Amino acid sequence: MHYIMPQFEHTHINFQRIPLVDTSNPFMVRNIPSPDQSLVLIHFLKDKPSVEYKLNLRGLIEGSFITGFNTLVIPGGKMMYAMELILTQRILDLMKNRSNVGDIGM
């Protein structure tokens, strides 16, 4: 708790999977809920996305909806697709900046 919980305040985006089946008694749960038995709450913490960005994501991910200024909820089965949409450009930007940093030293 002392190591994991503080990390959330430093993240840019959190993906939280929420089961839609009863998991209240951990001794009775036989299987981890499948993606289709879950929702994924995507919480944007830093670099808060614009309304247009969230509306665009909502339009691209069927069954998604906005629950707050910086929160989008999607069906669990769409998590990988959402990660591709949200993270691909960020990863490309990081790779581009990494190569630019190497060029500065030369």
Protein backbone atom coordinates (compact mmCIF):
# COMPACT_ATOMS: atom_id res chain seq x y z
CA MET A 1 0.00 0.00 0.00
CA HIS A 2 2.85 2.40 0.77
CA TYR A 3 4.54 1.73 -2.57
CA ILE A 4 1.72 1.16 -5.05
CA MET A 5 -0.90 3.73 -3.98
CA PRO A 6 1.40 6.80 -4.22
CA GLN A 7 2.19 5.90 -7.83
CA PHE A 8 -1.32 6.82 -8.97
CA GLU A 9 -0.74 10.52 -8.39
CA HIS A 10 2.21 10.41 -10.81
CA THR A 11 0.51 8.59 -13.69
CA HIS A 12 -0.95 10.21 -16.77
CA ILE A 13 -3.63 7.60 -17.45
CA ASN A 14 -5.11 4.83 -15.29
CA PHE A 15 -7.00 1.85 -16.70
CA GLN A 16 -9.17 0.24 -14.02
CA ARG A 17 -11.10 -2.95 -14.74
CA ILE A 18 -14.40 -3.21 -12.91
CA PRO A 19 -16.19 -6.60 -12.78
CA LEU A 20 -19.91 -6.71 -13.53
CA VAL A 21 -20.40 -10.07 -11.82
CA ASP A 22 -20.60 -10.75 -8.09
CA THR A 23 -17.09 -10.95 -6.61
CA SER A 24 -18.10 -9.98 -3.06
CA ASN A 25 -17.13 -13.35 -1.56
CA PRO A 26 -13.55 -14.12 -2.66
CA PHE A 27 -13.89 -17.72 -1.45
CA MET A 28 -16.79 -18.40 -3.84
CA VAL A 29 -15.28 -16.81 -6.95
CA ARG A 30 -13.92 -19.58 -9.15
CA ASN A 31 -12.74 -17.56 -12.15
CA ILE A 32 -11.52 -14.06 -12.84
CA PRO A 33 -14.32 -12.19 -14.63
CA SER A 34 -13.78 -12.16 -18.38
CA PRO A 35 -13.36 -8.88 -20.27
CA ASP A 36 -16.98 -9.20 -21.44
CA GLN A 37 -18.04 -9.36 -17.78
CA SER A 38 -16.21 -6.11 -17.02
CA LEU A 39 -16.10 -2.41 -17.70
CA VAL A 40 -12.88 -0.43 -17.94
CA LEU A 41 -12.70 3.00 -16.37
CA ILE A 42 -10.06 5.16 -18.07
CA HIS A 43 -9.04 8.07 -15.87
CA PHE A 44 -6.88 10.80 -17.41
CA LEU A 45 -4.87 12.45 -14.62
CA LYS A 46 -2.19 14.59 -16.24
CA ASP A 47 -2.46 16.45 -19.52
CA LYS A 48 -6.23 16.39 -19.15
CA PRO A 49 -7.75 15.64 -22.55
CA SER A 50 -9.98 18.12 -24.29
CA VAL A 51 -13.69 17.51 -24.60
CA GLU A 52 -13.18 16.96 -28.33
CA TYR A 53 -10.60 14.24 -27.66
CA LYS A 54 -12.92 12.36 -25.30
CA LEU A 55 -15.87 12.73 -27.65
CA ASN A 56 -13.70 11.41 -30.47
CA LEU A 57 -12.70 8.38 -28.36
CA ARG A 58 -16.30 7.83 -27.37
CA GLY A 59 -17.28 7.85 -31.04
CA LEU A 60 -14.54 5.35 -31.93
CA ILE A 61 -15.25 2.89 -29.09
CA GLU A 62 -18.73 1.41 -29.33
CA GLY A 63 -20.53 1.24 -26.00
CA SER A 64 -18.33 3.83 -24.28
CA PHE A 65 -19.55 6.81 -22.28
CA ILE A 66 -18.11 9.78 -20.41
CA THR A 67 -18.73 9.92 -16.67
CA GLY A 68 -16.68 12.95 -15.72
CA PHE A 69 -14.38 15.66 -16.98
CA ASN A 70 -11.44 13.28 -17.15
CA THR A 71 -13.10 9.84 -17.10
CA LEU A 72 -14.21 7.55 -19.92
CA VAL A 73 -15.89 4.15 -19.39
CA ILE A 74 -15.64 1.44 -22.05
CA PRO A 75 -16.75 -2.20 -22.35
CA GLY A 76 -14.04 -4.53 -21.01
CA GLY A 77 -13.62 -6.29 -24.34
CA LYS A 78 -12.53 -3.00 -25.94
CA MET A 79 -9.62 -2.35 -23.57
CA MET A 80 -6.83 -3.32 -26.00
CA TYR A 81 -8.37 -1.21 -28.76
CA ALA A 82 -8.67 1.76 -26.39
CA MET A 83 -5.05 1.34 -25.32
CA GLU A 84 -3.97 1.38 -28.97
CA LEU A 85 -5.98 4.53 -29.66
CA ILE A 86 -4.78 6.37 -26.57
CA LEU A 87 -1.19 5.21 -26.21
CA THR A 88 0.11 4.79 -29.77
CA GLN A 89 0.74 8.49 -30.37
CA ARG A 90 2.27 8.91 -26.90
CA ILE A 91 4.68 6.03 -27.54
CA LEU A 92 5.64 7.40 -30.97
CA ASP A 93 6.28 10.82 -29.41
CA LEU A 94 8.49 9.25 -26.71
CA MET A 95 10.48 7.36 -29.34
CA LYS A 96 10.88 10.52 -31.43
CA ASN A 97 12.06 12.52 -28.42
CA ARG A 98 14.45 9.73 -27.46
CA SER A 99 16.12 9.86 -30.85
CA ASN A 100 16.32 13.66 -30.68
CA VAL A 101 18.08 13.49 -27.32
CA GLY A 102 20.75 11.23 -28.84
CA ASP A 103 21.28 13.71 -31.67
CA ILE A 104 21.94 16.59 -29.26
CA GLY A 105 25.02 14.91 -27.81
CA MET A 106 26.65 14.38 -31.21
